Protein backbone atom coordinates (compact mmCIF):
# COMPACT_ATOMS: atom_id res chain seq x y z
CA MET A 1 -64.92 -48.39 36.26
CA ASP A 2 -61.54 -46.80 36.53
CA THR A 3 -61.32 -43.83 38.92
CA PRO A 4 -60.17 -40.78 36.33
CA LYS A 5 -56.66 -39.67 37.06
CA GLY A 6 -57.21 -36.17 37.48
CA PHE A 7 -59.45 -36.96 40.24
CA GLU A 8 -57.09 -39.44 41.76
CA SER A 9 -53.97 -37.01 42.05
CA LYS A 10 -56.37 -34.32 43.20
CA TYR A 11 -57.30 -36.97 45.98
CA HIS A 12 -53.84 -37.93 47.04
CA PHE A 13 -53.25 -34.19 47.13
CA CYS A 14 -55.99 -33.50 49.66
CA LEU A 15 -54.96 -36.38 51.68
CA ILE A 16 -51.47 -34.67 51.80
CA LEU A 17 -53.31 -31.41 53.00
CA TRP A 18 -55.50 -33.36 55.34
CA GLU A 19 -52.45 -34.80 57.07
CA HIS A 20 -50.91 -31.49 57.42
CA LYS A 21 -53.41 -28.68 57.47
CA PRO A 22 -53.05 -25.98 58.24
CA VAL A 23 -49.63 -25.83 55.82
CA LYS A 24 -47.65 -23.22 54.13
CA SER A 25 -47.95 -23.10 50.39
CA SER A 26 -44.08 -23.76 50.16
CA GLU A 27 -44.39 -26.92 52.57
CA LEU A 28 -47.19 -28.23 50.28
CA VAL A 29 -44.97 -27.89 47.51
CA THR A 30 -42.35 -30.05 49.01
CA LEU A 31 -44.57 -32.83 50.29
CA CYS A 32 -46.07 -32.90 46.84
CA LYS A 33 -42.68 -33.18 45.16
CA GLU A 34 -41.83 -35.82 47.97
CA GLN A 35 -45.30 -37.88 47.95
CA LEU A 36 -46.37 -37.36 44.19
CA GLY A 37 -43.49 -36.55 42.05
CA TRP A 38 -44.95 -32.89 41.31
CA LYS A 39 -43.28 -29.71 40.22
CA PRO A 40 -43.92 -26.74 41.93
CA THR A 41 -46.17 -25.50 39.19
CA THR A 42 -48.16 -28.34 39.37
CA THR A 43 -48.87 -28.02 42.97
CA TYR A 44 -49.53 -24.36 42.64
CA THR A 45 -51.85 -25.08 40.00
CA VAL A 46 -53.89 -27.64 41.80
CA ILE A 47 -54.07 -25.06 45.00
CA LYS A 48 -55.41 -22.52 42.69
CA ARG A 49 -57.91 -24.57 41.05
CA LEU A 50 -59.10 -26.15 44.18
CA TYR A 51 -59.43 -22.64 45.89
CA GLU A 52 -61.45 -21.54 42.61
CA ARG A 53 -64.15 -24.50 43.32
CA GLY A 54 -64.15 -23.65 46.99
CA VAL A 55 -62.29 -26.90 48.05
CA LEU A 56 -59.88 -24.99 50.08
CA LYS A 57 -58.59 -21.67 51.09
CA ASN A 58 -55.30 -20.01 50.65
CA GLU A 59 -55.07 -17.00 52.98
CA LYS A 60 -51.67 -15.51 53.21
CA THR A 61 -49.63 -18.75 51.62
CA VAL A 62 -51.27 -20.99 54.58
CA VAL A 63 -53.67 -23.23 52.66
CA THR A 64 -56.64 -24.97 54.55
CA SER A 65 -59.10 -27.48 53.41
CA LEU A 66 -62.70 -26.25 53.39
CA VAL A 67 -63.87 -29.90 53.17
CA ARG A 68 -63.40 -33.02 55.67
CA THR A 69 -61.43 -35.74 55.57
CA LEU A 70 -63.05 -38.73 54.33
CA ILE A 71 -61.11 -41.19 56.34
């Protein structure tokens, strides 16, 4: 069974976040553009959705993971 694309992209996002946490959202946008080819709106949407799911927190534009890295 193949990994669903949505999960895979969020996983790669989390790898970037784990490597640089805590990180300003604007810097995260730059990193996601460089490493994933995402537009800024895509990164901000993923930040919002993962925040709503309790995976990360975003306080005063600083993003921090609330889950531990798997590696």
